Amino acid sequence: MDNTKVYKMSFASVYPHYIQKAEKKGRTKEELDEIIFWLTGYDKQSLQQLIDNKTNFETFFAQAPQINPNVSKITGVICGYRVEEIEDQLMQKIRYLDKLVDELAKGKDMEKILRK
């Protein structure tokens, strides 16, 4: 499967959809941002720069300050694939983010989402 199209998508183009998904289920943009910060090590300012620069997913994850060491605790199915079995490292990170956003939208406690 050619994932190049996904890698070249700008994070800024998908971010509003993440916000909408969370807010539609009564969650907040702040909670979404907390998940992104936890996963990637970005902070509010660096995340805004990435959005302003229309950074693509490939660069978004390549430049992430630190992928959380607990990502291996993220398991389950997203888009028909088990996230823990995805071999392509970049696609796995993108799907980790998708999974966390899904968990937020499904009303899971932040403590559980952040694997504490």
N, C-alpha and C. Protein backbone atom coordinates (compact mmCIF):
# COMPACT_ATOMS: atom_id res chain seq x y z
N MET A 1 0.84 -1.19 0.00
CA MET A 1 0.00 0.00 0.00
C MET A 1 0.88 1.25 0.00
N ASP A 2 0.54 2.20 -0.86
CA ASP A 2 1.31 3.43 -0.96
C ASP A 2 0.76 4.46 0.03
N ASN A 3 1.56 4.75 1.04
CA ASN A 3 1.13 5.68 2.08
C ASN A 3 1.64 7.10 1.85
N THR A 4 2.31 7.33 0.73
CA THR A 4 2.92 8.62 0.46
C THR A 4 1.92 9.77 0.56
N LYS A 5 0.71 9.56 0.06
CA LYS A 5 -0.30 10.61 0.09
C LYS A 5 -0.61 11.04 1.53
N VAL A 6 -0.71 10.07 2.42
CA VAL A 6 -0.98 10.36 3.83
C VAL A 6 0.19 11.12 4.44
N TYR A 7 1.41 10.69 4.15
CA TYR A 7 2.60 11.33 4.71
C TYR A 7 2.72 12.78 4.30
N LYS A 8 2.28 13.08 3.08
CA LYS A 8 2.43 14.43 2.53
C LYS A 8 1.26 15.35 2.91
N MET A 9 0.20 14.79 3.52
CA MET A 9 -0.92 15.62 3.97
C MET A 9 -0.42 16.55 5.08
N SER A 10 -0.90 17.78 5.06
CA SER A 10 -0.46 18.68 6.12
C SER A 10 -1.23 18.35 7.40
N PHE A 11 -0.52 18.41 8.50
CA PHE A 11 -1.16 18.19 9.80
C PHE A 11 -2.25 19.24 9.99
N ALA A 12 -1.99 20.47 9.52
CA ALA A 12 -2.96 21.56 9.67
C ALA A 12 -4.28 21.26 8.98
N SER A 13 -4.26 20.46 7.92
CA SER A 13 -5.50 20.14 7.20
C SER A 13 -6.33 19.11 7.96
N VAL A 14 -5.70 18.31 8.79
CA VAL A 14 -6.40 17.25 9.53
C VAL A 14 -6.78 17.70 10.94
N TYR A 15 -5.98 18.58 11.51
CA TYR A 15 -6.17 19.05 12.88
C TYR A 15 -7.60 19.56 13.15
N PRO A 16 -8.18 20.39 12.26
CA PRO A 16 -9.56 20.84 12.52
C PRO A 16 -10.56 19.68 12.60
N HIS A 17 -10.30 18.62 11.86
CA HIS A 17 -11.18 17.44 11.91
C HIS A 17 -11.05 16.73 13.25
N TYR A 18 -9.83 16.68 13.78
CA TYR A 18 -9.62 16.12 15.12
C TYR A 18 -10.40 16.93 16.15
N ILE A 19 -10.28 18.26 16.05
CA ILE A 19 -10.98 19.15 16.99
C ILE A 19 -12.49 18.93 16.89
N GLN A 20 -12.99 18.91 15.67
CA GLN A 20 -14.42 18.73 15.44
C GLN A 20 -14.91 17.40 16.02
N LYS A 21 -14.14 16.35 15.79
CA LYS A 21 -14.51 15.02 16.30
C LYS A 21 -14.59 15.04 17.82
N ALA A 22 -13.61 15.66 18.46
CA ALA A 22 -13.58 15.74 19.92
C ALA A 22 -14.74 16.59 20.45
N GLU A 23 -14.91 17.77 19.87
CA GLU A 23 -15.93 18.70 20.37
C GLU A 23 -17.35 18.17 20.14
N LYS A 24 -17.54 17.44 19.06
CA LYS A 24 -18.86 16.87 18.78
C LYS A 24 -19.27 15.89 19.87
N LYS A 25 -18.27 15.33 20.54
CA LYS A 25 -18.53 14.37 21.61
C LYS A 25 -18.35 14.98 22.99
N GLY A 26 -18.33 16.33 23.05
CA GLY A 26 -18.27 17.00 24.34
C GLY A 26 -16.88 17.13 24.94
N ARG A 27 -15.85 16.88 24.14
CA ARG A 27 -14.48 17.05 24.63
C ARG A 27 -13.96 18.39 24.13
N THR A 28 -12.76 18.78 24.59
CA THR A 28 -12.24 20.10 24.26
C THR A 28 -10.98 20.04 23.39
N LYS A 29 -10.71 21.18 22.75
CA LYS A 29 -9.48 21.32 21.97
C LYS A 29 -8.28 21.18 22.90
N GLU A 30 -8.40 21.66 24.14
CA GLU A 30 -7.32 21.58 25.10
C GLU A 30 -6.99 20.11 25.42
N GLU A 31 -8.03 19.27 25.55
CA GLU A 31 -7.79 17.85 25.79
C GLU A 31 -7.11 17.21 24.58
N LEU A 32 -7.55 17.58 23.39
CA LEU A 32 -6.91 17.08 22.18
C LEU A 32 -5.44 17.48 22.14
N ASP A 33 -5.18 18.75 22.43
CA ASP A 33 -3.79 19.22 22.43
C ASP A 33 -2.96 18.48 23.46
N GLU A 34 -3.53 18.21 24.61
CA GLU A 34 -2.80 17.47 25.66
C GLU A 34 -2.39 16.09 25.14
N ILE A 35 -3.27 15.46 24.40
CA ILE A 35 -2.95 14.15 23.81
C ILE A 35 -1.80 14.27 22.81
N ILE A 36 -1.87 15.30 21.97
CA ILE A 36 -0.82 15.51 20.97
C ILE A 36 0.51 15.80 21.67
N PHE A 37 0.48 16.64 22.71
CA PHE A 37 1.71 16.95 23.46
C PHE A 37 2.28 15.68 24.09
N TRP A 38 1.41 14.85 24.66
CA TRP A 38 1.83 13.61 25.31
C TRP A 38 2.49 12.68 24.30
N LEU A 39 1.88 12.54 23.13
CA LEU A 39 2.39 11.61 22.12
C LEU A 39 3.70 12.08 21.51
N THR A 40 3.81 13.39 21.24
CA THR A 40 4.93 13.89 20.43
C THR A 40 5.99 14.69 21.17
N GLY A 41 5.64 15.24 22.32
CA GLY A 41 6.58 16.10 23.03
C GLY A 41 6.50 17.56 22.59
N TYR A 42 5.65 17.87 21.62
CA TYR A 42 5.46 19.26 21.23
C TYR A 42 4.78 20.02 22.37
N ASP A 43 4.90 21.35 22.34
CA ASP A 43 4.17 22.19 23.28
C ASP A 43 3.24 23.10 22.45
N LYS A 44 2.51 23.94 23.14
CA LYS A 44 1.50 24.78 22.47
C LYS A 44 2.13 25.63 21.36
N GLN A 45 3.25 26.25 21.66
CA GLN A 45 3.90 27.14 20.69
C GLN A 45 4.43 26.36 19.48
N SER A 46 5.12 25.25 19.72
CA SER A 46 5.68 24.50 18.60
C SER A 46 4.58 23.86 17.75
N LEU A 47 3.49 23.44 18.39
CA LEU A 47 2.36 22.88 17.64
C LEU A 47 1.75 23.95 16.74
N GLN A 48 1.58 25.17 17.27
CA GLN A 48 1.02 26.25 16.47
C GLN A 48 1.92 26.58 15.28
N GLN A 49 3.23 26.54 15.47
CA GLN A 49 4.17 26.79 14.37
C GLN A 49 3.99 25.75 13.27
N LEU A 50 3.82 24.48 13.66
CA LEU A 50 3.64 23.42 12.68
C LEU A 50 2.35 23.62 11.89
N ILE A 51 1.31 24.06 12.58
CA ILE A 51 0.03 24.32 11.93
C ILE A 51 0.18 25.51 10.97
N ASP A 52 0.80 26.58 11.45
CA ASP A 52 0.99 27.78 10.62
C ASP A 52 1.83 27.48 9.37
N ASN A 53 2.81 26.60 9.52
CA ASN A 53 3.71 26.26 8.40
C ASN A 53 3.13 25.16 7.51
N LYS A 54 1.95 24.66 7.86
CA LYS A 54 1.31 23.57 7.11
C LYS A 54 2.25 22.37 6.95
N THR A 55 2.89 22.01 8.05
CA THR A 55 3.83 20.90 8.08
C THR A 55 3.11 19.59 7.78
N ASN A 56 3.74 18.75 6.95
CA ASN A 56 3.12 17.46 6.62
C ASN A 56 3.37 16.44 7.75
N PHE A 57 2.62 15.35 7.69
CA PHE A 57 2.72 14.34 8.76
C PHE A 57 4.12 13.75 8.86
N GLU A 58 4.78 13.57 7.73
CA GLU A 58 6.13 13.00 7.74
C GLU A 58 7.06 13.88 8.57
N THR A 59 7.03 15.17 8.32
CA THR A 59 7.88 16.11 9.06
C THR A 59 7.38 16.28 10.49
N PHE A 60 6.05 16.30 10.65
CA PHE A 60 5.45 16.43 11.98
C PHE A 60 6.03 15.38 12.94
N PHE A 61 6.08 14.14 12.51
CA PHE A 61 6.61 13.09 13.39
C PHE A 61 8.13 13.02 13.38
N ALA A 62 8.76 13.35 12.25
CA ALA A 62 10.23 13.33 12.17
C ALA A 62 10.84 14.37 13.12
N GLN A 63 10.16 15.51 13.27
CA GLN A 63 10.69 16.59 14.11
C GLN A 63 10.12 16.58 15.52
N ALA A 64 9.29 15.61 15.83
CA ALA A 64 8.70 15.55 17.17
C ALA A 64 9.81 15.50 18.22
N PRO A 65 9.73 16.37 19.23
CA PRO A 65 10.79 16.40 20.25
C PRO A 65 11.03 15.04 20.90
N GLN A 66 9.95 14.34 21.23
CA GLN A 66 10.11 13.00 21.81
C GLN A 66 8.79 12.24 21.73
N ILE A 67 8.85 11.11 21.02
CA ILE A 67 7.68 10.24 21.00
C ILE A 67 7.61 9.59 22.38
N ASN A 68 6.44 9.63 22.99
CA ASN A 68 6.28 9.12 24.35
C ASN A 68 6.72 7.65 24.44
N PRO A 69 7.51 7.31 25.46
CA PRO A 69 7.97 5.92 25.60
C PRO A 69 6.83 4.93 25.87
N ASN A 70 5.65 5.43 26.25
CA ASN A 70 4.53 4.53 26.53
C ASN A 70 3.65 4.26 25.31
N VAL A 71 4.10 4.64 24.11
CA VAL A 71 3.26 4.39 22.93
C VAL A 71 3.00 2.91 22.71
N SER A 72 3.88 2.08 23.19
CA SER A 72 3.67 0.63 23.01
C SER A 72 2.42 0.15 23.77
N LYS A 73 1.95 0.97 24.71
CA LYS A 73 0.74 0.62 25.46
C LYS A 73 -0.53 0.95 24.67
N ILE A 74 -0.38 1.63 23.54
CA ILE A 74 -1.54 1.95 22.69
C ILE A 74 -1.81 0.72 21.83
N THR A 75 -2.96 0.12 22.04
CA THR A 75 -3.31 -1.08 21.27
C THR A 75 -4.74 -0.96 20.78
N GLY A 76 -5.08 -1.82 19.87
CA GLY A 76 -6.45 -1.84 19.36
C GLY A 76 -6.49 -1.66 17.86
N VAL A 77 -7.70 -1.59 17.34
CA VAL A 77 -7.90 -1.53 15.90
C VAL A 77 -8.28 -0.11 15.47
N ILE A 78 -7.64 0.35 14.41
CA ILE A 78 -8.00 1.63 13.80
C ILE A 78 -7.94 1.43 12.29
N CYS A 79 -8.99 1.81 11.62
CA CYS A 79 -9.10 1.65 10.16
C CYS A 79 -8.86 0.20 9.73
N GLY A 80 -9.28 -0.73 10.56
CA GLY A 80 -9.16 -2.14 10.22
C GLY A 80 -7.81 -2.77 10.50
N TYR A 81 -6.89 -2.02 11.05
CA TYR A 81 -5.55 -2.54 11.36
C TYR A 81 -5.29 -2.46 12.85
N ARG A 82 -4.61 -3.46 13.39
CA ARG A 82 -4.18 -3.41 14.78
C ARG A 82 -2.97 -2.47 14.84
N VAL A 83 -3.06 -1.40 15.62
CA VAL A 83 -1.98 -0.40 15.64
C VAL A 83 -0.64 -1.00 16.07
N GLU A 84 -0.71 -1.96 16.96
CA GLU A 84 0.55 -2.55 17.46
C GLU A 84 1.23 -3.44 16.41
N GLU A 85 0.53 -3.77 15.33
CA GLU A 85 1.09 -4.65 14.30
C GLU A 85 1.48 -3.92 13.02
N ILE A 86 1.28 -2.62 12.97
CA ILE A 86 1.64 -1.85 11.78
C ILE A 86 3.16 -1.76 11.71
N GLU A 87 3.72 -2.23 10.59
CA GLU A 87 5.18 -2.31 10.47
C GLU A 87 5.83 -0.99 10.08
N ASP A 88 5.16 -0.21 9.25
CA ASP A 88 5.70 1.08 8.83
C ASP A 88 5.66 2.03 10.03
N GLN A 89 6.82 2.46 10.49
CA GLN A 89 6.94 3.26 11.71
C GLN A 89 6.15 4.57 11.64
N LEU A 90 6.24 5.26 10.51
CA LEU A 90 5.53 6.52 10.38
C LEU A 90 4.02 6.30 10.38
N MET A 91 3.56 5.33 9.63
CA MET A 91 2.12 5.05 9.59
C MET A 91 1.64 4.64 10.98
N GLN A 92 2.45 3.89 11.70
CA GLN A 92 2.08 3.47 13.05
C GLN A 92 1.89 4.69 13.96
N LYS A 93 2.77 5.67 13.86
CA LYS A 93 2.66 6.88 14.68
C LYS A 93 1.39 7.66 14.32
N ILE A 94 1.10 7.75 13.02
CA ILE A 94 -0.12 8.44 12.58
C ILE A 94 -1.34 7.72 13.14
N ARG A 95 -1.34 6.40 13.10
CA ARG A 95 -2.47 5.63 13.60
C ARG A 95 -2.56 5.67 15.13
N TYR A 96 -1.41 5.79 15.80
CA TYR A 96 -1.45 6.00 17.26
C TYR A 96 -2.24 7.27 17.56
N LEU A 97 -1.94 8.34 16.83
CA LEU A 97 -2.64 9.60 17.04
C LEU A 97 -4.13 9.43 16.76
N ASP A 98 -4.45 8.76 15.65
CA ASP A 98 -5.86 8.50 15.32
C ASP A 98 -6.56 7.74 16.44
N LYS A 99 -5.88 6.75 16.98
CA LYS A 99 -6.45 5.92 18.05
C LYS A 99 -6.72 6.76 19.30
N LEU A 100 -5.78 7.61 19.65
CA LEU A 100 -5.94 8.45 20.83
C LEU A 100 -7.10 9.44 20.65
N VAL A 101 -7.23 10.00 19.46
CA VAL A 101 -8.34 10.91 19.17
C VAL A 101 -9.66 10.15 19.27
N ASP A 102 -9.69 8.94 18.75
CA ASP A 102 -10.90 8.10 18.85
C ASP A 102 -11.26 7.86 20.31
N GLU A 103 -10.26 7.53 21.12
CA GLU A 103 -10.52 7.26 22.54
C GLU A 103 -11.06 8.50 23.23
N LEU A 104 -10.53 9.66 22.88
CA LEU A 104 -11.03 10.92 23.44
C LEU A 104 -12.49 11.11 23.05
N ALA A 105 -12.79 10.92 21.78
CA ALA A 105 -14.16 11.11 21.29
C ALA A 105 -15.13 10.09 21.88
N LYS A 106 -14.62 8.94 22.27
CA LYS A 106 -15.49 7.92 22.85
C LYS A 106 -15.71 8.13 24.35
N GLY A 107 -15.09 9.18 24.90
CA GLY A 107 -15.35 9.53 26.28
C GLY A 107 -14.45 8.87 27.30
N LYS A 108 -13.36 8.27 26.85
CA LYS A 108 -12.42 7.65 27.79
C LYS A 108 -11.80 8.71 28.69
N ASP A 109 -11.49 8.33 29.92
CA ASP A 109 -10.82 9.25 30.85
C ASP A 109 -9.44 9.61 30.32
N MET A 110 -9.05 10.86 30.52
CA MET A 110 -7.73 11.33 30.06
C MET A 110 -6.61 10.48 30.66
N GLU A 111 -6.75 10.09 31.89
CA GLU A 111 -5.73 9.28 32.54
C GLU A 111 -5.49 7.96 31.79
N LYS A 112 -6.58 7.36 31.33
CA LYS A 112 -6.46 6.11 30.55
C LYS A 112 -5.91 6.36 29.16
N ILE A 113 -6.36 7.45 28.53
CA ILE A 113 -5.87 7.79 27.20
C ILE A 113 -4.36 8.01 27.23
N LEU A 114 -3.89 8.70 28.27
CA LEU A 114 -2.47 9.01 28.41
C LEU A 114 -1.67 7.87 29.05
N ARG A 115 -2.32 6.74 29.16
CA ARG A 115 -1.65 5.50 29.64
C ARG A 115 -0.92 5.69 30.95
N LYS A 116 -1.62 6.30 31.93
CA LYS A 116 -1.00 6.54 33.24
C LYS A 116 -1.29 5.39 34.18
